[in-house]
Amino acid sequence: MSVSRISSRNRRLNKAQKLSVAGVSTLAAAAVALSLAPNDASAAPQPQHKPAAAAAAAPVVFTGVQTKSIQTSVIDQNSTAALLVKAAGKAKDAEKEKAAEKAKAKAVAKAKAKAKVAAKKKAKADAKKRSAKKASRAADRKPIYKNNLDGWIREALSIMHKKHIPGTYEGLHRNIIRESSGNPRAINNWDINAINGIPSKGLLQVIKPTFDFYHVKGTKHDQYDPVANITAAANYAADKYGSIDNVNSAY
């Protein structure tokens, strides 16, 4: 073997060895370095007797097919890594979106519950207001009583109730029938009161001094007025007998 051929072979080995070392540093650089290595086994002269130490130190030379396979593997790995990163990003975005939707649903539910409570409170307040208004109108509205004995007694009882004067329909009716037979213009001109100039008058036959003293405010100041006569007489009976119900004879 000539000296020139040995020198050329050593130059090729040194170049291949350098490229092989560069390939060990990074896989991507290795692919590029290996692509530059000779891919034709017949291009380099083969020594007939290669020492074992030289064979161990000699760089590995890849063929073009092997180099292409490594390049393809690197590209596939890079593509897989990119897909994994992209998938992880999508999963993270989906998780964020799910958390946002959950928070939104929670906020909507909370708002609905709050609105429901507010509506319930408002309905209750409105009902209370309507009830108070209705009661106020009922209180302001003066009842209409019939202009007869039944109506006079009922109206008198309403006033007596407000003034805390005791008495019942039965007690009033019973004493009225006995005293005047239900005639509001009845007058007694024959007893001692008449002789003294203060005759008993009206449904419950009260004299003027008694009527004036026990007159119930809010009624007419007239002995012949049915309601005024009843309430004054009931007020007097409550003071003297506890209630008109306790009176069963002249009083």
C-alpha atoms as a PDB file:
ATOM      1  CA  MET A   1       0.000   0.000   0.000  1.00  0.00           C
ATOM      2  CA  SER A   2       1.386   3.359  -0.996  1.00  0.00           C
ATOM      3  CA  VAL A   3       2.082   6.153   1.438  1.00  0.00           C
ATOM      4  CA  SER A   4      -0.382   8.462  -0.350  1.00  0.00           C
ATOM      5  CA  ARG A   5      -3.229   5.983   0.002  1.00  0.00           C
ATOM      6  CA  ILE A   6      -2.484   5.448   3.723  1.00  0.00           C
ATOM      7  CA  SER A   7      -2.429   9.210   4.291  1.00  0.00           C
ATOM      8  CA  SER A   8      -5.714   9.627   2.431  1.00  0.00           C
ATOM      9  CA  ARG A   9      -7.313   6.856   4.471  1.00  0.00           C
ATOM     10  CA  ASN A  10      -6.137   8.409   7.762  1.00  0.00           C
ATOM     11  CA  ARG A  11      -7.595  11.748   6.708  1.00  0.00           C
ATOM     12  CA  ARG A  12     -10.955  10.077   6.019  1.00  0.00           C
ATOM     13  CA  LEU A  13     -10.922   8.288   9.403  1.00  0.00           C
ATOM     14  CA  ASN A  14     -10.023  11.446  11.276  1.00  0.00           C
ATOM     15  CA  LYS A  15     -12.892  13.313   9.597  1.00  0.00           C
ATOM     16  CA  ALA A  16     -15.365  10.530  10.322  1.00  0.00           C
ATOM     17  CA  GLN A  17     -14.157  10.280  13.906  1.00  0.00           C
ATOM     18  CA  LYS A  18     -14.670  14.003  14.501  1.00  0.00           C
ATOM     19  CA  LEU A  19     -18.157  13.839  13.047  1.00  0.00           C
ATOM     20  CA  SER A  20     -18.978  10.813  15.204  1.00  0.00           C
ATOM     21  CA  VAL A  21     -17.903  12.650  18.402  1.00  0.00           C
ATOM     22  CA  ALA A  22     -20.019  15.636  17.433  1.00  0.00           C
ATOM     23  CA  GLY A  23     -22.968  13.245  16.976  1.00  0.00           C
ATOM     24  CA  VAL A  24     -22.603  11.965  20.535  1.00  0.00           C
ATOM     25  CA  SER A  25     -22.997  15.530  21.912  1.00  0.00           C
ATOM     26  CA  THR A  26     -26.509  16.098  20.515  1.00  0.00           C
ATOM     27  CA  LEU A  27     -28.812  13.822  18.622  1.00  0.00           C
ATOM     28  CA  ALA A  28     -29.768  16.452  16.095  1.00  0.00           C
ATOM     29  CA  ALA A  29     -26.110  17.342  15.400  1.00  0.00           C
ATOM     30  CA  ALA A  30     -25.319  13.639  15.129  1.00  0.00           C
ATOM     31  CA  ALA A  31     -27.881  13.265  12.375  1.00  0.00           C
ATOM     32  CA  VAL A  32     -26.264  16.096  10.433  1.00  0.00           C
ATOM     33  CA  ALA A  33     -22.745  14.799  11.101  1.00  0.00           C
ATOM     34  CA  LEU A  34     -23.627  11.289  10.078  1.00  0.00           C
ATOM     35  CA  SER A  35     -25.134  12.547   6.861  1.00  0.00           C
ATOM     36  CA  LEU A  36     -21.688  13.874   6.003  1.00  0.00           C
ATOM     37  CA  ALA A  37     -19.939  10.516   6.731  1.00  0.00           C
ATOM     38  CA  PRO A  38     -19.115   8.250   3.789  1.00  0.00           C
ATOM     39  CA  ASN A  39     -21.979   5.943   3.024  1.00  0.00           C
ATOM     40  CA  ASP A  40     -20.199   3.680   0.579  1.00  0.00           C
ATOM     41  CA  ALA A  41     -18.269   0.933   2.303  1.00  0.00           C
ATOM     42  CA  SER A  42     -16.251   0.249  -0.831  1.00  0.00           C
ATOM     43  CA  ALA A  43     -15.037   3.842  -1.080  1.00  0.00           C
ATOM     44  CA  ALA A  44     -12.512   3.402   1.732  1.00  0.00           C
ATOM     45  CA  PRO A  45      -9.726   0.819   1.262  1.00  0.00           C
ATOM     46  CA  GLN A  46      -9.937  -1.977   3.814  1.00  0.00           C
ATOM     47  CA  PRO A  47      -6.728  -3.057   5.563  1.00  0.00           C
ATOM     48  CA  GLN A  48      -5.975  -6.734   5.358  1.00  0.00           C
ATOM     49  CA  HIS A  49      -4.598  -6.911   8.879  1.00  0.00           C
ATOM     50  CA  LYS A  50      -6.134  -4.296  11.247  1.00  0.00           C
ATOM     51  CA  PRO A  51      -4.760  -4.295  14.812  1.00  0.00           C
ATOM     52  CA  ALA A  52      -7.357  -4.838  17.611  1.00  0.00           C
ATOM     53  CA  ALA A  53      -6.538  -1.516  19.290  1.00  0.00           C
ATOM     54  CA  ALA A  54      -6.978   0.388  16.034  1.00  0.00           C
ATOM     55  CA  ALA A  55     -10.303  -1.362  15.391  1.00  0.00           C
ATOM     56  CA  ALA A  56     -11.586  -0.379  18.836  1.00  0.00           C
ATOM     57  CA  ALA A  57     -10.589   3.237  18.355  1.00  0.00           C
ATOM     58  CA  ALA A  58     -12.009   3.525  14.867  1.00  0.00           C
ATOM     59  CA  PRO A  59     -15.288   5.532  14.564  1.00  0.00           C
ATOM     60  CA  VAL A  60     -18.537   3.860  13.546  1.00  0.00           C
ATOM     61  CA  VAL A  61     -19.519   4.820  10.040  1.00  0.00           C
ATOM     62  CA  PHE A  62     -23.257   4.813   9.233  1.00  0.00           C
ATOM     63  CA  THR A  63     -24.690   4.234   5.821  1.00  0.00           C
ATOM     64  CA  GLY A  64     -27.019   6.718   4.161  1.00  0.00           C
ATOM     65  CA  VAL A  65     -30.051   4.567   4.984  1.00  0.00           C
ATOM     66  CA  GLN A  66     -29.133   4.447   8.676  1.00  0.00           C
ATOM     67  CA  THR A  67     -28.547   8.189   8.781  1.00  0.00           C
ATOM     68  CA  LYS A  68     -31.917   8.830   7.176  1.00  0.00           C
ATOM     69  CA  SER A  69     -33.554   6.488   9.693  1.00  0.00           C
ATOM     70  CA  ILE A  70     -32.017   8.410  12.630  1.00  0.00           C
ATOM     71  CA  GLN A  71     -33.091  11.733  11.123  1.00  0.00           C
ATOM     72  CA  THR A  72     -36.619  10.414  10.712  1.00  0.00           C
ATOM     73  CA  SER A  73     -36.628   9.191  14.345  1.00  0.00           C
ATOM     74  CA  VAL A  74     -35.498  12.600  15.578  1.00  0.00           C
ATOM     75  CA  ILE A  75     -38.208  14.325  13.565  1.00  0.00           C
ATOM     76  CA  ASP A  76     -40.820  11.861  14.828  1.00  0.00           C
ATOM     77  CA  GLN A  77     -39.727  12.433  18.413  1.00  0.00           C
ATOM     78  CA  ASN A  78     -39.834  16.192  17.971  1.00  0.00           C
ATOM     79  CA  SER A  79     -43.297  15.926  16.404  1.00  0.00           C
ATOM     80  CA  THR A  80     -44.518  13.708  19.247  1.00  0.00           C
ATOM     81  CA  ALA A  81     -43.150  16.112  21.842  1.00  0.00           C
ATOM     82  CA  ALA A  82     -44.857  19.027  20.087  1.00  0.00           C
ATOM     83  CA  LEU A  83     -48.138  17.108  19.988  1.00  0.00           C
ATOM     84  CA  LEU A  84     -47.836  16.266  23.679  1.00  0.00           C
ATOM     85  CA  VAL A  85     -47.176  19.925  24.537  1.00  0.00           C
ATOM     86  CA  LYS A  86     -50.115  20.978  22.405  1.00  0.00           C
ATOM     87  CA  ALA A  87     -52.370  18.324  23.984  1.00  0.00           C
ATOM     88  CA  ALA A  88     -51.280  19.407  27.466  1.00  0.00           C
ATOM     89  CA  GLY A  89     -52.090  23.010  26.562  1.00  0.00           C
ATOM     90  CA  LYS A  90     -55.517  22.021  25.286  1.00  0.00           C
ATOM     91  CA  ALA A  91     -56.191  19.980  28.430  1.00  0.00           C
ATOM     92  CA  LYS A  92     -55.183  22.940  30.597  1.00  0.00           C
ATOM     93  CA  ASP A  93     -57.410  25.284  28.590  1.00  0.00           C
ATOM     94  CA  ALA A  94     -60.296  22.807  28.860  1.00  0.00           C
ATOM     95  CA  GLU A  95     -59.766  22.576  32.616  1.00  0.00           C
ATOM     96  CA  LYS A  96     -59.765  26.374  32.906  1.00  0.00           C
ATOM     97  CA  GLU A  97     -62.914  26.598  30.786  1.00  0.00           C
ATOM     98  CA  LYS A  98     -64.608  23.933  32.909  1.00  0.00           C
ATOM     99  CA  ALA A  99     -63.646  25.764  36.109  1.00  0.00           C
ATOM    100  CA  ALA A 100     -64.943  29.039  34.654  1.00  0.00           C
ATOM    101  CA  GLU A 101     -68.253  27.409  33.646  1.00  0.00           C
ATOM    102  CA  LYS A 102     -68.585  25.870  37.108  1.00  0.00           C
ATOM    103  CA  ALA A 103     -67.925  29.239  38.761  1.00  0.00           C
ATOM    104  CA  LYS A 104     -70.431  30.900  36.423  1.00  0.00           C
ATOM    105  CA  ALA A 105     -73.096  28.252  37.177  1.00  0.00           C
ATOM    106  CA  LYS A 106     -72.466  28.705  40.904  1.00  0.00           C
ATOM    107  CA  ALA A 107     -72.803  32.479  40.581  1.00  0.00           C
ATOM    108  CA  VAL A 108     -76.047  32.111  38.588  1.00  0.00           C
ATOM    109  CA  ALA A 109     -77.472  29.688  41.164  1.00  0.00           C
ATOM    110  CA  LYS A 110     -76.515  32.056  43.979  1.00  0.00           C
ATOM    111  CA  ALA A 111     -78.101  34.992  42.170  1.00  0.00           C
ATOM    112  CA  LYS A 112     -81.299  32.997  41.578  1.00  0.00           C
ATOM    113  CA  ALA A 113     -81.470  31.951  45.231  1.00  0.00           C
ATOM    114  CA  LYS A 114     -80.933  35.562  46.317  1.00  0.00           C
ATOM    115  CA  ALA A 115     -83.603  36.781  43.904  1.00  0.00           C
ATOM    116  CA  LYS A 116     -86.005  34.115  45.182  1.00  0.00           C
ATOM    117  CA  VAL A 117     -85.476  35.191  48.803  1.00  0.00           C
ATOM    118  CA  ALA A 118     -85.890  38.844  47.829  1.00  0.00           C
ATOM    119  CA  ALA A 119     -89.092  38.054  45.903  1.00  0.00           C
ATOM    120  CA  LYS A 120     -90.451  36.108  48.867  1.00  0.00           C
ATOM    121  CA  LYS A 121     -89.684  38.991  51.243  1.00  0.00           C
ATOM    122  CA  LYS A 122     -91.259  41.473  48.847  1.00  0.00           C
ATOM    123  CA  ALA A 123     -94.390  39.331  48.461  1.00  0.00           C
ATOM    124  CA  LYS A 124     -94.669  39.059  52.236  1.00  0.00           C
ATOM    125  CA  ALA A 125     -94.183  42.805  52.685  1.00  0.00           C
ATOM    126  CA  ASP A 126     -96.725  43.553  49.951  1.00  0.00           C
ATOM    127  CA  ALA A 127     -99.254  41.200  51.539  1.00  0.00           C
ATOM    128  CA  LYS A 128     -98.722  42.853  54.912  1.00  0.00           C
ATOM    129  CA  LYS A 129     -99.120  46.278  53.352  1.00  0.00           C
ATOM    130  CA  ARG A 130    -102.325  45.234  51.581  1.00  0.00           C
ATOM    131  CA  SER A 131    -103.683  43.768  54.806  1.00  0.00           C
ATOM    132  CA  ALA A 132    -102.873  46.943  56.738  1.00  0.00           C
ATOM    133  CA  LYS A 133    -104.424  49.076  54.023  1.00  0.00           C
ATOM    134  CA  LYS A 134    -107.542  46.929  53.996  1.00  0.00           C
ATOM    135  CA  ALA A 135    -107.811  47.120  57.790  1.00  0.00           C
ATOM    136  CA  SER A 136    -107.342  50.879  57.645  1.00  0.00           C
ATOM    137  CA  ARG A 137    -110.089  51.244  55.058  1.00  0.00           C
ATOM    138  CA  ALA A 138    -112.351  49.015  57.151  1.00  0.00           C
ATOM    139  CA  ALA A 139    -111.624  51.120  60.223  1.00  0.00           C
ATOM    140  CA  ASP A 140    -112.240  54.364  58.351  1.00  0.00           C
ATOM    141  CA  ARG A 141    -115.431  53.075  56.812  1.00  0.00           C
ATOM    142  CA  LYS A 142    -118.323  53.799  59.137  1.00  0.00           C
ATOM    143  CA  PRO A 143    -120.732  50.873  59.372  1.00  0.00           C
ATOM    144  CA  ILE A 144    -124.272  51.524  58.224  1.00  0.00           C
ATOM    145  CA  TYR A 145    -126.861  50.455  60.776  1.00  0.00           C
ATOM    146  CA  LYS A 146    -130.574  50.137  60.167  1.00  0.00           C
ATOM    147  CA  ASN A 147    -132.761  52.835  61.601  1.00  0.00           C
ATOM    148  CA  ASN A 148    -134.680  50.488  63.881  1.00  0.00           C
ATOM    149  CA  LEU A 149    -134.310  48.953  67.325  1.00  0.00           C
ATOM    150  CA  ASP A 150    -131.931  46.236  66.092  1.00  0.00           C
ATOM    151  CA  GLY A 151    -129.734  48.798  64.326  1.00  0.00           C
ATOM    152  CA  TRP A 152    -129.718  51.181  67.328  1.00  0.00           C
ATOM    153  CA  ILE A 153    -128.655  48.400  69.714  1.00  0.00           C
ATOM    154  CA  ARG A 154    -125.896  47.178  67.388  1.00  0.00           C
ATOM    155  CA  GLU A 155    -124.521  50.665  66.853  1.00  0.00           C
ATOM    156  CA  ALA A 156    -124.605  51.322  70.615  1.00  0.00           C
ATOM    157  CA  LEU A 157    -122.766  48.049  71.278  1.00  0.00           C
ATOM    158  CA  SER A 158    -120.053  49.054  68.787  1.00  0.00           C
ATOM    159  CA  ILE A 159    -119.497  52.329  70.637  1.00  0.00           C
ATOM    160  CA  MET A 160    -119.637  50.614  74.033  1.00  0.00           C
ATOM    161  CA  HIS A 161    -116.989  48.147  72.916  1.00  0.00           C
ATOM    162  CA  LYS A 162    -114.641  50.983  71.913  1.00  0.00           C
ATOM    163  CA  LYS A 163    -115.273  52.775  75.217  1.00  0.00           C
ATOM    164  CA  HIS A 164    -114.939  49.565  77.251  1.00  0.00           C
ATOM    165  CA  ILE A 165    -118.500  49.756  78.562  1.00  0.00           C
ATOM    166  CA  PRO A 166    -119.840  46.252  79.385  1.00  0.00           C
ATOM    167  CA  GLY A 167    -123.132  44.963  78.047  1.00  0.00           C
ATOM    168  CA  THR A 168    -124.692  42.526  75.623  1.00  0.00           C
ATOM    169  CA  TYR A 169    -127.373  42.665  72.986  1.00  0.00           C
ATOM    170  CA  GLU A 170    -129.662  40.564  75.180  1.00  0.00           C
ATOM    171  CA  GLY A 171    -129.185  42.790  78.245  1.00  0.00           C
ATOM    172  CA  LEU A 172    -129.894  45.982  76.306  1.00  0.00           C
ATOM    173  CA  HIS A 173    -132.876  44.576  74.414  1.00  0.00           C
ATOM    174  CA  ARG A 174    -134.479  43.154  77.571  1.00  0.00           C
ATOM    175  CA  ASN A 175    -134.273  46.454  79.487  1.00  0.00           C
ATOM    176  CA  ILE A 176    -135.395  48.553  76.504  1.00  0.00           C
ATOM    177  CA  ILE A 177    -138.552  46.487  76.049  1.00  0.00           C
ATOM    178  CA  ARG A 178    -139.383  46.770  79.748  1.00  0.00           C
ATOM    179  CA  GLU A 179    -138.714  50.529  79.956  1.00  0.00           C
ATOM    180  CA  SER A 180    -140.111  51.886  76.666  1.00  0.00           C
ATOM    181  CA  SER A 181    -141.331  48.967  74.521  1.00  0.00           C
ATOM    182  CA  GLY A 182    -138.725  50.096  71.959  1.00  0.00           C
ATOM    183  CA  ASN A 183    -140.131  53.627  71.494  1.00  0.00           C
ATOM    184  CA  PRO A 184    -137.291  56.194  71.336  1.00  0.00           C
ATOM    185  CA  ARG A 185    -139.764  59.053  72.037  1.00  0.00           C
ATOM    186  CA  ALA A 186    -141.171  57.475  75.174  1.00  0.00           C
ATOM    187  CA  ILE A 187    -141.496  59.780  78.235  1.00  0.00           C
ATOM    188  CA  ASN A 188    -142.643  59.230  81.848  1.00  0.00           C
ATOM    189  CA  ASN A 189    -144.825  62.081  83.060  1.00  0.00           C
ATOM    190  CA  TRP A 190    -146.242  60.513  86.247  1.00  0.00           C
ATOM    191  CA  ASP A 191    -143.389  59.310  88.512  1.00  0.00           C
ATOM    192  CA  ILE A 192    -141.442  61.303  91.115  1.00  0.00           C
ATOM    193  CA  ASN A 193    -138.906  62.402  88.525  1.00  0.00           C
ATOM    194  CA  ALA A 194    -141.658  63.892  86.391  1.00  0.00           C
ATOM    195  CA  ILE A 195    -143.102  65.625  89.445  1.00  0.00           C
ATOM    196  CA  ASN A 196    -139.646  67.075  90.089  1.00  0.00           C
ATOM    197  CA  GLY A 197    -139.496  68.351  86.506  1.00  0.00           C
ATOM    198  CA  ILE A 198    -136.936  65.862  85.192  1.00  0.00           C
ATOM    199  CA  PRO A 199    -139.001  63.134  83.511  1.00  0.00           C
ATOM    200  CA  SER A 200    -137.399  59.948  82.255  1.00  0.00           C
ATOM    201  CA  LYS A 201    -137.029  59.870  78.449  1.00  0.00           C
ATOM    202  CA  GLY A 202    -135.983  57.618  75.615  1.00  0.00           C
ATOM    203  CA  LEU A 203    -135.459  53.907  75.091  1.00  0.00           C
ATOM    204  CA  LEU A 204    -133.962  53.263  78.539  1.00  0.00           C
ATOM    205  CA  GLN A 205    -135.803  56.068  80.350  1.00  0.00           C
ATOM    206  CA  VAL A 206    -132.933  58.133  81.740  1.00  0.00           C
ATOM    207  CA  ILE A 207    -133.399  61.539  83.371  1.00  0.00           C
ATOM    208  CA  LYS A 208    -131.560  64.611  82.187  1.00  0.00           C
ATOM    209  CA  PRO A 209    -128.933  64.822  84.981  1.00  0.00           C
ATOM    210  CA  THR A 210    -128.042  61.148  84.570  1.00  0.00           C
ATOM    211  CA  PHE A 211    -127.875  61.498  80.783  1.00  0.00           C
ATOM    212  CA  ASP A 212    -125.618  64.555  81.017  1.00  0.00           C
ATOM    213  CA  PHE A 213    -123.244  62.964  83.533  1.00  0.00           C
ATOM    214  CA  TYR A 214    -122.915  59.597  81.750  1.00  0.00           C
ATOM    215  CA  HIS A 215    -123.135  60.876  78.203  1.00  0.00           C
ATOM    216  CA  VAL A 216    -120.706  59.026  75.920  1.00  0.00           C
ATOM    217  CA  LYS A 217    -118.516  61.277  73.837  1.00  0.00           C
ATOM    218  CA  GLY A 218    -119.094  60.859  70.118  1.00  0.00           C
ATOM    219  CA  THR A 219    -122.848  60.469  70.381  1.00  0.00           C
ATOM    220  CA  LYS A 220    -125.488  63.171  70.074  1.00  0.00           C
ATOM    221  CA  HIS A 221    -126.251  65.162  73.192  1.00  0.00           C
ATOM    222  CA  ASP A 222    -129.951  64.384  72.924  1.00  0.00           C
ATOM    223  CA  GLN A 223    -131.967  62.239  75.345  1.00  0.00           C
ATOM    224  CA  TYR A 224    -134.292  61.143  72.555  1.00  0.00           C
ATOM    225  CA  ASP A 225    -131.487  60.007  70.262  1.00  0.00           C
ATOM    226  CA  PRO A 226    -131.648  56.171  70.423  1.00  0.00           C
ATOM    227  CA  VAL A 227    -127.896  55.479  70.377  1.00  0.00           C
ATOM    228  CA  ALA A 228    -127.018  58.338  72.741  1.00  0.00           C
ATOM    229  CA  ASN A 229    -129.777  57.203  75.154  1.00  0.00           C
ATOM    230  CA  ILE A 230    -128.662  53.533  75.132  1.00  0.00           C
ATOM    231  CA  THR A 231    -124.927  54.264  75.620  1.00  0.00           C
ATOM    232  CA  ALA A 232    -125.530  56.770  78.436  1.00  0.00           C
ATOM    233  CA  ALA A 233    -127.885  54.381  80.262  1.00  0.00           C
ATOM    234  CA  ALA A 234    -125.448  51.452  79.795  1.00  0.00           C
ATOM    235  CA  ASN A 235    -122.580  53.622  81.091  1.00  0.00           C
ATOM    236  CA  TYR A 236    -124.666  54.511  84.173  1.00  0.00           C
ATOM    237  CA  ALA A 237    -125.660  50.854  84.753  1.00  0.00           C
ATOM    238  CA  ALA A 238    -122.032  49.727  84.471  1.00  0.00           C
ATOM    239  CA  ASP A 239    -121.072  52.264  87.148  1.00  0.00           C
ATOM    240  CA  LYS A 240    -123.927  51.338  89.540  1.00  0.00           C
ATOM    241  CA  TYR A 241    -124.536  47.618  88.809  1.00  0.00           C
ATOM    242  CA  GLY A 242    -121.457  46.392  86.933  1.00  0.00           C
ATOM    243  CA  SER A 243    -123.338  45.986  83.641  1.00  0.00           C
ATOM    244  CA  ILE A 244    -126.711  46.665  82.039  1.00  0.00           C
ATOM    245  CA  ASP A 245    -127.034  42.863  81.951  1.00  0.00           C
ATOM    246  CA  ASN A 246    -127.412  42.915  85.756  1.00  0.00           C
ATOM    247  CA  VAL A 247    -130.451  45.234  85.627  1.00  0.00           C
ATOM    248  CA  ASN A 248    -133.831  43.482  85.761  1.00  0.00           C
ATOM    249  CA  SER A 249    -136.124  46.230  87.043  1.00  0.00           C
ATOM    250  CA  ALA A 250    -136.354  49.976  87.420  1.00  0.00           C
ATOM    251  CA  TYR A 251    -132.933  51.369  88.055  1.00  0.00           C
END
